[in-house]
């Protein structure tokens, strides 16, 4: 009987404060990845720039974005402390 009353009092957010902090960190990682993808345009629109195929834009940035999404899954799945 007491357990039911405690469960009724526990209505609140589905995730804990730590989960939301971790989600904010994951979101920041994703934003950093997208910032790293930016750039690479040519000054003259008639000239092709090979700079768009740099290691940073093609390999590093997508891996950082992927790591951010994986971190987000971890942040959501982590059990909040009681």
C-alpha atoms as a PDB file:
ATOM      1  CA  UNK A   1       0.000   0.000   0.000  1.00  0.00           C
ATOM      2  CA  UNK A   2       2.833   2.402   0.873  1.00  0.00           C
ATOM      3  CA  UNK A   3       4.627   1.575  -2.385  1.00  0.00           C
ATOM      4  CA  UNK A   4       1.608   2.681  -4.419  1.00  0.00           C
ATOM      5  CA  UNK A   5       1.502   6.050  -2.656  1.00  0.00           C
ATOM      6  CA  UNK A   6       5.222   6.565  -3.300  1.00  0.00           C
ATOM      7  CA  UNK A   7       4.741   5.740  -6.993  1.00  0.00           C
ATOM      8  CA  UNK A   8       1.904   8.245  -7.245  1.00  0.00           C
ATOM      9  CA  UNK A   9       4.123  10.974  -5.748  1.00  0.00           C
ATOM     10  CA  UNK A  10       6.906  10.208  -8.228  1.00  0.00           C
ATOM     11  CA  UNK A  11       5.130  11.664 -11.239  1.00  0.00           C
ATOM     12  CA  UNK A  12       7.513  14.051 -12.894  1.00  0.00           C
ATOM     13  CA  UNK A  13       9.993  14.123 -15.729  1.00  0.00           C
ATOM     14  CA  UNK A  14      10.821  10.851 -17.439  1.00  0.00           C
ATOM     15  CA  UNK A  15      14.544  11.576 -17.272  1.00  0.00           C
ATOM     16  CA  UNK A  16      16.713  12.915 -14.495  1.00  0.00           C
ATOM     17  CA  UNK A  17      18.738  16.113 -14.336  1.00  0.00           C
ATOM     18  CA  UNK A  18      21.943  14.248 -15.274  1.00  0.00           C
ATOM     19  CA  UNK A  19      20.286  12.861 -18.402  1.00  0.00           C
ATOM     20  CA  UNK A  20      19.379  16.337 -19.591  1.00  0.00           C
ATOM     21  CA  UNK A  21      22.917  17.577 -18.980  1.00  0.00           C
ATOM     22  CA  UNK A  22      24.312  14.670 -21.001  1.00  0.00           C
ATOM     23  CA  UNK A  23      21.813  15.378 -23.777  1.00  0.00           C
ATOM     24  CA  UNK A  24      22.968  19.001 -23.904  1.00  0.00           C
ATOM     25  CA  UNK A  25      26.584  17.832 -24.208  1.00  0.00           C
ATOM     26  CA  UNK A  26      25.600  15.458 -27.026  1.00  0.00           C
ATOM     27  CA  UNK A  27      23.767  18.254 -28.804  1.00  0.00           C
ATOM     28  CA  UNK A  28      26.867  20.458 -28.539  1.00  0.00           C
ATOM     29  CA  UNK A  29      28.997  17.658 -30.043  1.00  0.00           C
ATOM     30  CA  UNK A  30      26.596  17.404 -32.987  1.00  0.00           C
ATOM     31  CA  UNK A  31      26.693  21.175 -33.531  1.00  0.00           C
ATOM     32  CA  UNK A  32      30.518  21.123 -33.510  1.00  0.00           C
ATOM     33  CA  UNK A  33      30.435  18.399 -36.170  1.00  0.00           C
ATOM     34  CA  UNK A  34      28.176  20.454 -38.412  1.00  0.00           C
ATOM     35  CA  UNK A  35      30.351  23.532 -37.938  1.00  0.00           C
ATOM     36  CA  UNK A  36      33.363  21.490 -39.040  1.00  0.00           C
ATOM     37  CA  UNK A  37      31.481  20.535 -42.222  1.00  0.00           C
ATOM     38  CA  UNK A  38      30.921  24.169 -43.177  1.00  0.00           C
ATOM     39  CA  UNK A  39      33.034  26.115 -45.623  1.00  0.00           C
ATOM     40  CA  UNK A  40      35.051  25.117 -48.655  1.00  0.00           C
ATOM     41  CA  UNK A  41      33.494  27.492 -51.129  1.00  0.00           C
ATOM     42  CA  UNK A  42      35.426  29.135 -53.891  1.00  0.00           C
ATOM     43  CA  UNK A  43      35.872  32.897 -54.150  1.00  0.00           C
ATOM     44  CA  UNK A  44      34.984  32.724 -57.824  1.00  0.00           C
ATOM     45  CA  UNK A  45      31.782  30.768 -58.602  1.00  0.00           C
ATOM     46  CA  UNK A  46      33.169  29.713 -61.997  1.00  0.00           C
ATOM     47  CA  UNK A  47      36.176  27.982 -60.422  1.00  0.00           C
ATOM     48  CA  UNK A  48      35.861  24.579 -58.749  1.00  0.00           C
ATOM     49  CA  UNK A  49      37.489  24.317 -55.321  1.00  0.00           C
ATOM     50  CA  UNK A  50      39.021  21.003 -54.223  1.00  0.00           C
ATOM     51  CA  UNK A  51      38.822  22.277 -50.650  1.00  0.00           C
ATOM     52  CA  UNK A  52      35.349  20.757 -50.213  1.00  0.00           C
ATOM     53  CA  UNK A  53      36.934  17.287 -50.239  1.00  0.00           C
ATOM     54  CA  UNK A  54      39.250  17.901 -47.285  1.00  0.00           C
ATOM     55  CA  UNK A  55      39.710  15.291 -44.554  1.00  0.00           C
ATOM     56  CA  UNK A  56      37.967  17.566 -42.058  1.00  0.00           C
ATOM     57  CA  UNK A  57      34.759  17.890 -44.097  1.00  0.00           C
ATOM     58  CA  UNK A  58      34.506  14.381 -45.531  1.00  0.00           C
ATOM     59  CA  UNK A  59      35.757  12.188 -42.686  1.00  0.00           C
ATOM     60  CA  UNK A  60      36.266  13.963 -39.380  1.00  0.00           C
ATOM     61  CA  UNK A  61      33.057  16.000 -39.194  1.00  0.00           C
ATOM     62  CA  UNK A  62      30.680  13.108 -40.020  1.00  0.00           C
ATOM     63  CA  UNK A  63      32.417  10.932 -37.415  1.00  0.00           C
ATOM     64  CA  UNK A  64      31.980  13.653 -34.800  1.00  0.00           C
ATOM     65  CA  UNK A  65      28.286  14.007 -35.687  1.00  0.00           C
ATOM     66  CA  UNK A  66      27.853  10.228 -35.460  1.00  0.00           C
ATOM     67  CA  UNK A  67      29.607  10.207 -32.083  1.00  0.00           C
ATOM     68  CA  UNK A  68      27.226  12.954 -30.941  1.00  0.00           C
ATOM     69  CA  UNK A  69      24.183  10.901 -31.918  1.00  0.00           C
ATOM     70  CA  UNK A  70      25.573   7.825 -30.161  1.00  0.00           C
ATOM     71  CA  UNK A  71      26.215   9.968 -27.084  1.00  0.00           C
ATOM     72  CA  UNK A  72      22.600  11.188 -27.268  1.00  0.00           C
ATOM     73  CA  UNK A  73      21.337   7.589 -27.252  1.00  0.00           C
ATOM     74  CA  UNK A  74      23.504   6.889 -24.206  1.00  0.00           C
ATOM     75  CA  UNK A  75      22.191  10.022 -22.489  1.00  0.00           C
ATOM     76  CA  UNK A  76      18.590   8.947 -23.032  1.00  0.00           C
ATOM     77  CA  UNK A  77      19.103   5.311 -22.056  1.00  0.00           C
ATOM     78  CA  UNK A  78      21.155   6.009 -18.892  1.00  0.00           C
ATOM     79  CA  UNK A  79      19.152   5.305 -15.781  1.00  0.00           C
ATOM     80  CA  UNK A  80      18.723   8.355 -13.568  1.00  0.00           C
ATOM     81  CA  UNK A  81      20.075   8.120 -10.044  1.00  0.00           C
ATOM     82  CA  UNK A  82      17.463   7.610  -7.386  1.00  0.00           C
END
